[in-house]
Amino acid sequence: MWRDHLTEIIVFTLLFLLVSAMGFVAARWRAPKDMAHLDEWGLGGRSFGGWITWFLVGGDLYTAYTFVAVPALMFGAGAAGFFAVPYTIVIYPLVFLVLVRLWSVSHRHGFVTPADFVRKRFDSPVLALLIAITGIVATMPYIALQLVGIEAVLKTMGVTGDNALARHLPIIIAFAILAAYTYQSGLRAPALIAFVKDSLIYIVILVAVIYLPYKLGGWGDIFAAADAKFDASPNPNDGILLNGNNQLQYITLAFGSALALFLYPHSITGVLASRNRDVIKRNMSALPAYSLLLGLIALLGYMAIAAGVKPLPGASAGSVDNNTVVPLLFDQQFPDWFAGVAYAAIGIGALVPAAIMSIAAANLFTRNIYKEYLKRDASPAQEANVSKITSLVVKVGAVACIVFLDPQFSIDLQLIGGVIILQTLPAVALGLYTRWFHRTGLIVGWVAGMGLGMWMLYQVASPTRKHFGGSAFPLSEFGFDTTKTIYVGIVAVAVNLAVAALVTLALRAAKADDGVDGTEPDDYFADEGDPRITPGPDRDADSAREPVA
């Protein structure tokens, strides 16, 4: 009952109200003369320095879902759940120079979304539309997943109801408040709140990894308890070590997830909000500190095993909700007031990425669908207004997902989202370095990769679902005599690249028209204060270069 968790609820509510107030105050923080512009509302004036960007991007990538789901996977499957740690380590060397180039060309041309870049680079409205739709579709389940983290906390505190509406009412209220201050303050709201969110998470995790091993008998006893649990598991792939069957899945999932992470629109939004190239370089060097924290967070799953935590019942009969193991661990092992702080860290950890994701999705719709196809002469104020309204619609859609769908299906949808967003890699990431690919080749490659990816995902079953049950594809479906699985995203993007290359070769041989590259080589090295192309009413035409104020 909720009365047994009154102290936790009070602490959670007070901290939640504090950050909500900060969200509204953020409209006056570094306030511009006019917020009615996507550069201001959607990118914070492109003015964030090193510390703000570090907290913003870190708060965007390391979410409430990370806080509860990674330990839950460690609790349920063991070492396989640790894939999130290596992928968040290898990602930064991979994207160090890529993101710097993206920032420069976006700064020079005033791009707000990756689809803006693709539109100019490949002179293809169709390809840009595909990139925009892909980004929106991949982002929606990611926003819904943030609610899974809040729901796990509310369930642990006994805040539940007899029907779906009553059970989800606190989440609806939380997202209504989030929608209000995001509408008013734009990207400045999550940037300011990220300071509180990340500080709380660092405090909670550092206390937990020092206190809990001491209380549970040390790391030896913790790993021994986990090993004993997995030895008794009927699934041979469960264990504190990987085995021959799951190593390929682990490697491809980690590498594929690393390739996908900074293709998500919300990740790019945080990068484009940076002040200059040096800010991005410093952050790509410093953000692995969050990966260290993630490794400690993951070990909470083993600590929950050692502490004897029993997950709460799941949505379907006979199932359990492993996402509740971390909240239950804090509830059982810490004083109520500290458990309330931990719950607030998870709850606030959902608000920061959800706000950035909804802004990024709204920017994609506004710039690459509304302005491109519905109102080409839209003013900056009209763009900002449409983006604000769209961000509200996106949040309503995310809440609908959590209310009407099984939360486990939302998790599967997020894995599907990673496969989807990977199909933008040839046009966005490789497009920053080369225009060798023909624009039609990229479109056909996208269709091939997306089609194969959806077919493979459809074939994946789970204990509760015949189709779309995850992203681990059995190689036996390809005719191999093995029980191994592989991450769908890696196969799909490989086919995407192969098809794009073959079609490009054919079109080059046929001397097919490939449009005009609207960027110049020096655009990819532009920095703060360098000349910027000021877009006119027709965003396809370059105007004179003017100094940036």
Protein backbone atom coordinates (compact mmCIF):
# COMPACT_ATOMS: atom_id res chain seq x y z
CA MET A 1 0.00 0.00 0.00
CA TRP A 2 1.12 3.55 -0.68
CA ARG A 3 0.74 4.46 3.01
CA ASP A 4 3.72 2.22 3.77
CA HIS A 5 5.83 4.35 1.45
CA LEU A 6 4.66 7.79 2.54
CA THR A 7 8.15 9.19 3.22
CA GLU A 8 9.38 7.99 -0.17
CA ILE A 9 6.36 9.52 -1.91
CA ILE A 10 6.87 12.88 -0.16
CA VAL A 11 10.59 13.06 -1.05
CA PHE A 12 9.87 11.95 -4.63
CA THR A 13 7.10 14.54 -5.02
CA LEU A 14 9.13 17.42 -3.58
CA LEU A 15 12.11 16.79 -5.85
CA PHE A 16 9.81 16.33 -8.83
CA LEU A 17 8.11 19.67 -8.11
CA LEU A 18 11.54 21.32 -7.73
CA VAL A 19 12.69 20.29 -11.17
CA SER A 20 9.30 21.18 -12.64
CA ALA A 21 9.71 24.71 -11.29
CA MET A 22 13.21 24.79 -12.80
CA GLY A 23 11.69 23.78 -16.13
CA PHE A 24 9.46 26.85 -16.16
CA VAL A 25 12.25 29.14 -14.91
CA ALA A 26 14.47 27.88 -17.75
CA ALA A 27 12.58 30.16 -20.16
CA ARG A 28 14.40 33.09 -18.50
CA TRP A 29 17.77 31.29 -18.33
CA ARG A 30 20.06 32.64 -21.05
CA ALA A 31 16.87 34.11 -22.48
CA PRO A 32 17.12 35.44 -26.07
CA LYS A 33 15.27 38.48 -27.35
CA ASP A 34 12.94 36.20 -29.28
CA MET A 35 12.17 32.52 -28.55
CA ALA A 36 10.07 32.27 -31.74
CA HIS A 37 12.84 30.56 -33.72
CA LEU A 38 13.89 26.90 -33.87
CA ASP A 39 17.50 27.89 -33.21
CA GLU A 40 16.34 29.22 -29.84
CA TRP A 41 13.42 26.98 -28.85
CA GLY A 42 14.72 23.77 -30.39
CA LEU A 43 18.50 24.21 -30.01
CA GLY A 44 18.91 26.53 -27.04
CA GLY A 45 20.41 29.27 -29.20
CA ARG A 46 23.25 26.92 -30.29
CA SER A 47 25.13 28.40 -27.34
CA PHE A 48 25.72 25.67 -24.76
CA GLY A 49 29.25 25.39 -23.40
CA GLY A 50 31.19 22.37 -22.14
CA TRP A 51 29.49 21.71 -18.81
CA ILE A 52 25.95 22.32 -20.01
CA THR A 53 26.49 20.09 -23.04
CA TRP A 54 28.04 17.36 -20.88
CA PHE A 55 25.02 17.26 -18.58
CA LEU A 56 22.55 17.65 -21.45
CA VAL A 57 23.98 14.91 -23.70
CA GLY A 58 24.70 12.66 -20.73
CA GLY A 59 21.18 13.15 -19.41
CA ASP A 60 19.86 12.43 -22.88
CA LEU A 61 21.78 9.19 -23.46
CA TYR A 62 21.74 7.71 -19.95
CA THR A 63 18.04 7.65 -19.18
CA ALA A 64 15.61 6.36 -16.55
CA TYR A 65 15.17 3.28 -18.70
CA THR A 66 18.93 2.70 -18.43
CA PHE A 67 18.69 3.00 -14.65
CA VAL A 68 16.07 0.25 -14.33
CA ALA A 69 16.37 -1.90 -17.48
CA VAL A 70 20.11 -2.60 -17.61
CA PRO A 71 20.19 -3.96 -14.01
CA ALA A 72 16.92 -5.79 -14.75
CA LEU A 73 18.55 -7.54 -17.71
CA MET A 74 21.57 -8.41 -15.55
CA PHE A 75 19.15 -9.73 -12.91
CA GLY A 76 17.29 -11.87 -15.43
CA ALA A 77 19.97 -13.00 -17.91
CA GLY A 78 23.38 -12.22 -16.42
CA ALA A 79 26.39 -11.20 -18.50
CA ALA A 80 24.36 -10.64 -21.70
CA GLY A 81 22.87 -7.54 -20.06
CA PHE A 82 26.32 -6.00 -19.79
CA PHE A 83 26.35 -5.20 -23.56
CA ALA A 84 25.31 -1.62 -22.77
CA VAL A 85 28.67 -0.92 -21.13
CA PRO A 86 31.08 -1.75 -24.00
CA TYR A 87 28.84 -0.09 -26.56
CA THR A 88 28.80 3.19 -24.61
CA ILE A 89 32.60 3.00 -24.45
CA VAL A 90 33.40 2.30 -28.09
CA ILE A 91 30.85 4.83 -29.37
CA TYR A 92 32.86 7.95 -28.50
CA PRO A 93 36.01 7.18 -30.53
CA LEU A 94 33.71 6.19 -33.41
CA VAL A 95 31.80 9.48 -33.47
CA PHE A 96 34.51 11.91 -32.24
CA LEU A 97 35.26 13.36 -35.68
CA VAL A 98 31.90 12.53 -37.28
CA LEU A 99 29.93 14.75 -34.90
CA VAL A 100 32.41 17.60 -35.26
CA ARG A 101 31.86 17.59 -39.03
CA LEU A 102 28.09 17.45 -38.56
CA TRP A 103 28.19 20.40 -36.16
CA SER A 104 30.30 22.47 -38.58
CA VAL A 105 28.17 21.95 -41.67
CA SER A 106 24.99 22.48 -39.62
CA HIS A 107 26.42 25.69 -38.13
CA ARG A 108 27.37 26.96 -41.59
CA HIS A 109 23.97 26.23 -43.18
CA GLY A 110 21.66 26.56 -40.19
CA PHE A 111 20.62 22.90 -40.21
CA VAL A 112 18.40 21.86 -37.30
CA THR A 113 17.96 18.15 -38.12
CA PRO A 114 20.01 15.40 -39.82
CA ALA A 115 17.40 15.37 -42.59
CA ASP A 116 18.23 19.05 -43.27
CA PHE A 117 21.80 17.99 -43.97
CA VAL A 118 20.76 15.07 -46.20
CA ARG A 119 18.43 17.39 -48.16
CA LYS A 120 21.26 19.80 -48.94
CA ARG A 121 24.03 17.22 -49.39
CA PHE A 122 22.20 14.90 -51.80
CA ASP A 123 19.70 17.36 -53.31
CA SER A 124 16.90 14.86 -52.63
CA PRO A 125 13.64 15.79 -50.88
CA VAL A 126 12.57 12.13 -50.98
CA LEU A 127 15.69 10.90 -49.20
CA ALA A 128 15.37 13.69 -46.62
CA LEU A 129 11.73 12.70 -46.05
CA LEU A 130 12.73 9.07 -45.46
CA ILE A 131 15.40 10.16 -42.97
CA ALA A 132 12.87 12.37 -41.14
CA ILE A 133 10.18 9.69 -40.96
CA THR A 134 12.75 7.13 -39.82
CA GLY A 135 13.90 9.43 -37.02
CA ILE A 136 10.37 10.13 -35.81
CA VAL A 137 9.32 6.46 -35.87
CA ALA A 138 12.49 5.33 -34.06
CA THR A 139 12.14 8.04 -31.40
CA MET A 140 8.51 7.46 -30.39
CA PRO A 141 9.01 4.11 -28.57
CA TYR A 142 12.15 5.55 -26.95
CA ILE A 143 10.03 8.27 -25.34
CA ALA A 144 7.47 5.69 -24.19
CA LEU A 145 10.27 3.71 -22.58
CA GLN A 146 11.09 6.58 -20.26
CA LEU A 147 7.65 6.06 -18.79
CA VAL A 148 8.55 2.44 -18.04
CA GLY A 149 11.14 3.74 -15.58
CA ILE A 150 8.64 6.02 -13.84
CA GLU A 151 6.03 3.24 -13.78
CA ALA A 152 8.48 0.86 -12.06
CA VAL A 153 9.05 3.44 -9.32
CA LEU A 154 5.35 4.17 -8.86
CA LYS A 155 4.56 0.45 -8.68
CA THR A 156 7.22 -0.03 -6.00
CA MET A 157 5.77 2.85 -3.96
CA GLY A 158 2.31 1.26 -4.17
CA VAL A 159 0.89 4.04 -6.31
CA THR A 160 -1.42 1.86 -8.39
CA GLY A 161 -5.09 1.84 -9.27
CA ASP A 162 -7.92 -0.57 -9.97
CA ASN A 163 -8.10 0.36 -13.65
CA ALA A 164 -5.75 1.53 -16.41
CA LEU A 165 -6.63 5.22 -16.02
CA ALA A 166 -6.13 5.29 -12.25
CA ARG A 167 -2.91 3.29 -12.52
CA HIS A 168 -1.43 5.66 -15.08
CA LEU A 169 -2.81 8.93 -13.72
CA PRO A 170 0.48 9.94 -12.00
CA ILE A 171 2.36 9.38 -15.28
CA ILE A 172 -0.22 11.40 -17.20
CA ILE A 173 0.12 14.28 -14.70
CA ALA A 174 3.94 14.10 -14.85
CA PHE A 175 3.97 14.27 -18.63
CA ALA A 176 1.39 17.08 -18.65
CA ILE A 177 3.77 19.14 -16.49
CA LEU A 178 6.67 18.14 -18.73
CA ALA A 179 4.70 19.17 -21.82
CA ALA A 180 3.89 22.56 -20.29
CA TYR A 181 7.42 23.61 -19.42
CA THR A 182 8.91 22.14 -22.59
CA TYR A 183 6.36 24.11 -24.63
CA GLN A 184 7.41 27.28 -22.83
CA SER A 185 11.17 26.81 -22.43
CA GLY A 186 12.20 24.47 -25.24
CA LEU A 187 15.60 22.79 -25.00
CA ARG A 188 16.66 25.10 -22.17
CA ALA A 189 14.35 23.20 -19.79
CA PRO A 190 15.99 19.75 -20.04
CA ALA A 191 19.43 21.41 -20.16
CA LEU A 192 18.83 23.05 -16.78
CA ILE A 193 17.10 20.05 -15.21
CA ALA A 194 19.90 17.74 -16.35
CA PHE A 195 22.17 19.28 -13.69
CA VAL A 196 19.84 18.06 -10.93
CA LYS A 197 19.08 14.71 -12.56
CA ASP A 198 22.69 13.71 -13.13
CA SER A 199 23.86 14.96 -9.75
CA LEU A 200 21.19 12.84 -8.01
CA ILE A 201 22.09 9.75 -10.04
CA TYR A 202 25.81 10.12 -9.32
CA ILE A 203 25.14 10.50 -5.58
CA VAL A 204 22.70 7.58 -5.42
CA ILE A 205 24.91 5.16 -7.38
CA LEU A 206 28.15 6.03 -5.60
CA VAL A 207 26.46 5.53 -2.21
CA ALA A 208 24.91 2.25 -3.41
CA VAL A 209 28.13 0.68 -4.74
CA ILE A 210 29.94 1.49 -1.49
CA TYR A 211 27.20 0.66 1.02
CA LEU A 212 25.45 -2.34 -0.57
CA PRO A 213 28.53 -4.58 -1.04
CA TYR A 214 29.44 -3.88 2.60
CA LYS A 215 25.94 -4.82 3.72
CA LEU A 216 25.65 -7.89 1.46
CA GLY A 217 28.98 -9.43 2.46
CA GLY A 218 31.27 -8.12 -0.27
CA TRP A 219 31.60 -8.51 -4.02
CA GLY A 220 32.58 -12.17 -3.72
CA ASP A 221 29.29 -13.06 -2.08
CA ILE A 222 27.35 -10.94 -4.60
CA PHE A 223 28.86 -12.70 -7.62
CA ALA A 224 28.53 -16.10 -5.92
CA ALA A 225 24.80 -15.51 -5.38
CA ALA A 226 24.37 -14.47 -9.03
CA ASP A 227 26.33 -17.51 -10.23
CA ALA A 228 24.18 -19.84 -8.14
CA LYS A 229 20.97 -18.30 -9.51
CA PHE A 230 22.01 -18.70 -13.14
CA ASP A 231 23.34 -22.24 -12.59
CA ALA A 232 19.78 -23.18 -11.62
CA SER A 233 18.25 -21.40 -14.63
CA PRO A 234 16.67 -23.56 -17.36
CA ASN A 235 18.08 -21.17 -19.99
CA PRO A 236 21.63 -22.29 -20.87
CA ASN A 237 22.50 -18.77 -22.08
CA ASP A 238 22.00 -17.26 -18.61
CA GLY A 239 25.15 -16.85 -16.53
CA ILE A 240 27.73 -14.44 -15.20
CA LEU A 241 29.89 -15.31 -18.25
CA LEU A 242 29.02 -15.46 -21.93
CA ASN A 243 29.02 -18.80 -23.74
CA GLY A 244 29.48 -19.95 -27.31
CA ASN A 245 25.81 -19.41 -28.16
CA ASN A 246 25.41 -15.77 -27.13
CA GLN A 247 28.82 -14.26 -27.90
CA LEU A 248 27.94 -13.35 -31.50
CA GLN A 249 24.66 -11.76 -30.41
CA TYR A 250 26.49 -9.84 -27.67
CA ILE A 251 29.17 -8.49 -30.03
CA THR A 252 26.80 -7.52 -32.84
CA LEU A 253 24.27 -5.99 -30.45
CA ALA A 254 26.96 -3.90 -28.74
CA PHE A 255 28.51 -2.74 -32.01
CA GLY A 256 25.16 -2.12 -33.70
CA SER A 257 23.87 -0.17 -30.71
CA ALA A 258 27.05 1.94 -30.76
CA LEU A 259 26.54 2.77 -34.44
CA ALA A 260 22.90 3.66 -33.80
CA LEU A 261 23.22 5.82 -30.69
CA PHE A 262 24.26 9.10 -32.28
CA LEU A 263 21.99 8.59 -35.29
CA TYR A 264 18.97 9.17 -33.05
CA PRO A 265 17.60 12.70 -33.57
CA HIS A 266 17.68 13.50 -29.85
CA SER A 267 21.40 12.71 -29.63
CA ILE A 268 22.11 14.98 -32.61
CA THR A 269 19.95 17.75 -31.10
CA GLY A 270 22.18 17.88 -28.02
CA VAL A 271 25.28 18.05 -30.22
CA LEU A 272 23.94 20.82 -32.48
CA ALA A 273 23.09 22.91 -29.40
CA SER A 274 26.83 23.15 -28.60
CA ARG A 275 28.65 26.45 -28.96
CA ASN A 276 31.60 25.28 -31.04
CA ARG A 277 33.70 22.34 -32.20
CA ASP A 278 35.91 22.30 -29.11
CA VAL A 279 32.87 21.79 -26.88
CA ILE A 280 32.01 18.61 -28.80
CA LYS A 281 35.60 17.34 -28.72
CA ARG A 282 35.85 17.85 -24.97
CA ASN A 283 32.51 16.14 -24.42
CA MET A 284 33.36 13.12 -26.54
CA SER A 285 36.44 12.77 -24.33
CA ALA A 286 34.57 13.26 -21.04
CA LEU A 287 31.26 11.46 -21.63
CA PRO A 288 32.81 7.99 -21.01
CA ALA A 289 32.60 8.96 -17.32
CA TYR A 290 28.90 8.15 -17.68
CA SER A 291 29.87 4.73 -19.02
CA LEU A 292 31.79 4.07 -15.79
CA LEU A 293 28.62 4.99 -13.92
CA LEU A 294 26.60 2.69 -16.19
CA GLY A 295 28.87 -0.23 -15.31
CA LEU A 296 28.16 0.38 -11.63
CA ILE A 297 24.42 0.71 -12.34
CA ALA A 298 24.45 -2.64 -14.17
CA LEU A 299 25.91 -4.38 -11.12
CA LEU A 300 22.82 -3.39 -9.12
CA GLY A 301 21.17 -6.36 -10.85
CA TYR A 302 23.59 -8.78 -9.18
CA MET A 303 23.20 -6.94 -5.87
CA ALA A 304 19.43 -7.46 -6.12
CA ILE A 305 20.04 -11.21 -6.53
CA ALA A 306 22.28 -11.29 -3.46
CA ALA A 307 19.72 -9.29 -1.48
CA GLY A 308 16.98 -11.77 -2.35
CA VAL A 309 14.81 -9.25 -4.18
CA LYS A 310 11.65 -10.72 -5.72
CA PRO A 311 10.27 -8.71 -8.68
CA LEU A 312 6.68 -7.49 -8.52
CA PRO A 313 4.07 -9.23 -10.71
CA GLY A 314 3.97 -8.23 -14.37
CA ALA A 315 1.05 -7.12 -16.50
CA SER A 316 0.20 -10.60 -17.76
CA ALA A 317 -0.83 -13.52 -15.57
CA GLY A 318 2.07 -15.44 -14.06
CA SER A 319 4.73 -12.97 -15.26
CA VAL A 320 7.09 -10.82 -13.22
CA ASP A 321 8.28 -7.26 -13.85
CA ASN A 322 12.09 -7.33 -13.63
CA ASN A 323 12.14 -3.55 -14.11
CA THR A 324 11.08 -3.25 -10.46
CA VAL A 325 14.19 -4.95 -9.04
CA VAL A 326 16.24 -1.74 -8.63
CA PRO A 327 13.45 0.27 -6.95
CA LEU A 328 12.74 -2.74 -4.70
CA LEU A 329 16.45 -3.06 -3.86
CA PHE A 330 16.56 0.56 -2.66
CA ASP A 331 13.25 0.14 -0.85
CA GLN A 332 14.52 -2.87 1.09
CA GLN A 333 18.13 -1.85 1.77
CA PHE A 334 18.01 1.92 2.40
CA PRO A 335 16.12 4.31 4.68
CA ASP A 336 12.86 5.59 3.23
CA TRP A 337 14.17 9.12 2.66
CA PHE A 338 17.15 7.88 0.62
CA ALA A 339 14.95 5.49 -1.35
CA GLY A 340 12.79 8.54 -2.16
CA VAL A 341 15.87 10.34 -3.49
CA ALA A 342 16.73 7.32 -5.65
CA TYR A 343 13.17 7.18 -6.98
CA ALA A 344 13.32 10.88 -7.79
CA ALA A 345 16.58 10.34 -9.68
CA ILE A 346 14.85 7.71 -11.82
CA GLY A 347 11.74 9.85 -12.31
CA ILE A 348 13.66 12.99 -13.21
CA GLY A 349 15.90 10.81 -15.34
CA ALA A 350 12.84 10.10 -17.48
CA LEU A 351 11.90 13.75 -17.95
CA VAL A 352 15.20 15.01 -19.39
CA PRO A 353 15.49 12.57 -22.32
CA ALA A 354 11.72 12.58 -22.93
CA ALA A 355 11.81 16.36 -23.35
CA ILE A 356 14.80 16.27 -25.72
CA MET A 357 13.32 13.40 -27.73
CA SER A 358 9.98 15.14 -28.19
CA ILE A 359 11.76 18.35 -29.27
CA ALA A 360 13.93 16.43 -31.76
CA ALA A 361 10.94 14.60 -33.26
CA ALA A 362 9.02 17.88 -33.49
CA ASN A 363 11.95 19.58 -35.24
CA LEU A 364 12.05 16.78 -37.82
CA PHE A 365 8.35 17.14 -38.58
CA THR A 366 8.53 20.91 -38.78
CA ARG A 367 11.63 21.27 -40.93
CA ASN A 368 11.37 18.24 -43.18
CA ILE A 369 7.64 17.61 -43.56
CA TYR A 370 5.72 20.80 -42.69
CA LYS A 371 8.13 23.27 -44.32
CA GLU A 372 9.18 21.02 -47.18
CA TYR A 373 5.73 19.85 -48.24
CA LEU A 374 3.02 21.90 -46.51
CA LYS A 375 4.26 25.50 -46.18
CA ARG A 376 7.54 26.24 -47.90
CA ASP A 377 7.38 29.94 -47.05
CA ALA A 378 6.87 29.36 -43.30
CA SER A 379 8.48 32.07 -41.19
CA PRO A 380 10.85 31.20 -38.30
CA ALA A 381 8.05 32.07 -35.85
CA GLN A 382 5.64 29.73 -37.63
CA GLU A 383 8.24 26.95 -37.60
CA ALA A 384 8.77 27.37 -33.85
CA ASN A 385 5.03 27.35 -33.18
CA VAL A 386 4.43 24.20 -35.25
CA SER A 387 7.34 22.49 -33.49
CA LYS A 388 5.91 23.37 -30.07
CA ILE A 389 2.52 21.90 -30.96
CA THR A 390 4.08 18.81 -32.51
CA SER A 391 6.14 18.19 -29.36
CA LEU A 392 2.86 18.08 -27.40
CA VAL A 393 1.38 15.56 -29.84
CA VAL A 394 4.51 13.39 -29.54
CA LYS A 395 4.22 13.31 -25.74
CA VAL A 396 0.53 12.40 -25.95
CA GLY A 397 1.46 9.55 -28.28
CA ALA A 398 4.14 8.33 -25.85
CA VAL A 399 1.67 8.31 -22.96
CA ALA A 400 -0.85 6.44 -25.13
CA CYS A 401 1.79 3.77 -25.83
CA ILE A 402 2.34 3.12 -22.13
CA VAL A 403 -1.37 3.21 -21.27
CA PHE A 404 -2.62 0.94 -24.05
CA LEU A 405 0.38 -1.31 -24.74
CA ASP A 406 2.08 -3.93 -22.61
CA PRO A 407 5.22 -2.25 -21.16
CA GLN A 408 7.30 -5.26 -22.28
CA PHE A 409 6.17 -4.57 -25.85
CA SER A 410 7.45 -1.00 -25.44
CA ILE A 411 10.89 -2.42 -24.63
CA ASP A 412 10.76 -4.64 -27.71
CA LEU A 413 9.71 -1.60 -29.75
CA GLN A 414 12.81 0.26 -28.59
CA LEU A 415 15.02 -2.58 -29.80
CA ILE A 416 13.16 -2.41 -33.11
CA GLY A 417 13.81 1.36 -33.10
CA GLY A 418 17.55 0.71 -33.05
CA VAL A 419 17.25 -1.44 -36.18
CA ILE A 420 15.19 1.28 -37.87
CA ILE A 421 17.50 4.22 -37.08
CA LEU A 422 20.56 2.25 -38.26
CA GLN A 423 19.21 2.48 -41.80
CA THR A 424 20.04 6.21 -41.82
CA LEU A 425 23.77 5.50 -41.34
CA PRO A 426 24.78 5.54 -45.05
CA ALA A 427 23.10 8.88 -45.78
CA VAL A 428 23.87 10.70 -42.52
CA ALA A 429 27.16 9.34 -41.13
CA LEU A 430 28.88 8.30 -44.36
CA GLY A 431 27.39 11.30 -46.15
CA LEU A 432 29.46 13.57 -43.91
CA TYR A 433 32.61 12.16 -45.52
CA THR A 434 31.65 11.23 -49.06
CA ARG A 435 29.06 11.92 -51.72
CA TRP A 436 30.06 8.84 -53.69
CA PHE A 437 26.71 7.15 -53.07
CA HIS A 438 24.05 8.12 -55.62
CA ARG A 439 20.95 9.59 -54.02
CA THR A 440 18.75 6.95 -55.69
CA GLY A 441 21.14 4.25 -54.50
CA LEU A 442 20.72 5.48 -50.91
CA ILE A 443 16.93 5.39 -51.27
CA VAL A 444 16.94 1.85 -52.69
CA GLY A 445 19.44 0.77 -50.03
CA TRP A 446 17.17 2.22 -47.31
CA VAL A 447 14.20 0.29 -48.70
CA ALA A 448 16.21 -2.95 -48.88
CA GLY A 449 17.67 -2.60 -45.38
CA MET A 450 14.38 -1.56 -43.82
CA GLY A 451 12.46 -4.32 -45.60
CA LEU A 452 14.91 -7.04 -44.57
CA GLY A 453 15.09 -5.68 -41.03
CA MET A 454 11.30 -5.72 -40.63
CA TRP A 455 11.10 -9.27 -42.04
CA MET A 456 13.79 -10.49 -39.65
CA LEU A 457 12.14 -8.78 -36.67
CA TYR A 458 8.80 -10.34 -37.65
CA GLN A 459 10.41 -13.79 -37.45
CA VAL A 460 11.74 -13.26 -33.91
CA ALA A 461 9.51 -14.86 -31.28
CA SER A 462 9.48 -14.47 -27.50
CA PRO A 463 7.76 -16.43 -24.71
CA THR A 464 4.82 -14.00 -24.89
CA ARG A 465 4.77 -13.06 -28.58
CA LYS A 466 5.02 -14.93 -31.89
CA HIS A 467 6.38 -11.95 -33.83
CA PHE A 468 8.47 -8.84 -33.06
CA GLY A 469 9.66 -10.48 -29.85
CA GLY A 470 13.12 -8.85 -29.85
CA SER A 471 16.12 -8.22 -32.08
CA ALA A 472 18.09 -11.49 -31.72
CA PHE A 473 17.63 -13.30 -35.03
CA PRO A 474 18.33 -17.07 -35.13
CA LEU A 475 20.91 -17.87 -37.79
CA SER A 476 19.11 -21.16 -38.41
CA GLU A 477 16.52 -19.10 -40.34
CA PHE A 478 19.26 -18.41 -42.89
CA GLY A 479 19.97 -22.13 -43.21
CA PHE A 480 22.92 -22.35 -40.81
CA ASP A 481 23.11 -25.40 -38.58
CA THR A 482 23.55 -23.48 -35.34
CA THR A 483 21.60 -22.16 -32.37
CA LYS A 484 23.44 -18.83 -32.42
CA THR A 485 21.66 -15.53 -32.94
CA ILE A 486 22.73 -12.21 -34.44
CA TYR A 487 21.53 -8.63 -33.97
CA VAL A 488 19.07 -7.79 -36.74
CA GLY A 489 20.35 -4.23 -37.13
CA ILE A 490 23.84 -5.29 -38.22
CA VAL A 491 22.53 -7.57 -40.98
CA ALA A 492 20.00 -4.99 -42.18
CA VAL A 493 22.47 -2.10 -42.41
CA ALA A 494 25.03 -4.33 -44.16
CA VAL A 495 22.45 -5.17 -46.84
CA ASN A 496 21.50 -1.48 -47.00
CA LEU A 497 25.12 -0.53 -47.74
CA ALA A 498 25.63 -3.34 -50.26
CA VAL A 499 22.49 -2.48 -52.22
CA ALA A 500 23.25 1.26 -52.12
CA ALA A 501 26.75 0.56 -53.49
CA LEU A 502 25.52 -1.75 -56.29
CA VAL A 503 22.78 0.67 -57.39
CA THR A 504 25.28 3.54 -57.28
CA LEU A 505 27.68 1.68 -59.55
CA ALA A 506 24.87 0.95 -62.01
CA LEU A 507 23.63 4.55 -62.02
CA ARG A 508 27.15 5.94 -62.38
CA ALA A 509 27.68 3.67 -65.38
CA ALA A 510 24.39 4.93 -66.84
CA LYS A 511 25.44 8.54 -66.12
CA ALA A 512 22.17 9.17 -64.24
CA ASP A 513 21.64 12.66 -62.82
CA ASP A 514 22.69 12.89 -59.17
CA GLY A 515 21.66 16.45 -58.30
CA VAL A 516 23.92 19.14 -56.90
CA ASP A 517 25.83 18.99 -53.62
CA GLY A 518 24.77 22.12 -51.72
CA THR A 519 27.74 21.98 -49.36
CA GLU A 520 31.39 22.96 -49.81
CA PRO A 521 34.47 21.14 -48.43
CA ASP A 522 35.27 23.98 -46.03
CA ASP A 523 31.73 23.78 -44.56
CA TYR A 524 32.81 20.68 -42.64
CA PHE A 525 35.50 22.62 -40.77
CA ALA A 526 33.54 25.81 -39.94
CA ASP A 527 33.68 26.94 -36.32
CA GLU A 528 32.13 29.51 -34.05
CA GLY A 529 32.41 32.97 -35.62
CA ASP A 530 33.07 31.66 -39.14
CA PRO A 531 30.83 32.90 -41.98
CA ARG A 532 27.39 31.34 -42.06
CA ILE A 533 24.96 30.93 -44.94
CA THR A 534 21.75 32.67 -43.99
CA PRO A 535 18.80 30.74 -45.47
CA GLY A 536 16.24 32.76 -47.39
CA PRO A 537 12.57 31.95 -48.13
CA ASP A 538 13.67 29.19 -50.51
CA ARG A 539 15.76 26.90 -48.32
CA ASP A 540 17.15 25.09 -51.37
CA ALA A 541 19.02 28.15 -52.60
CA ASP A 542 22.22 29.36 -51.01
CA SER A 543 22.35 33.02 -50.15
CA ALA A 544 25.33 35.20 -49.39
CA ARG A 545 27.64 34.25 -46.56
CA GLU A 546 27.37 36.59 -43.63
CA PRO A 547 29.26 36.71 -40.34
CA VAL A 548 27.46 35.06 -37.45
CA ALA A 549 26.46 37.45 -34.71
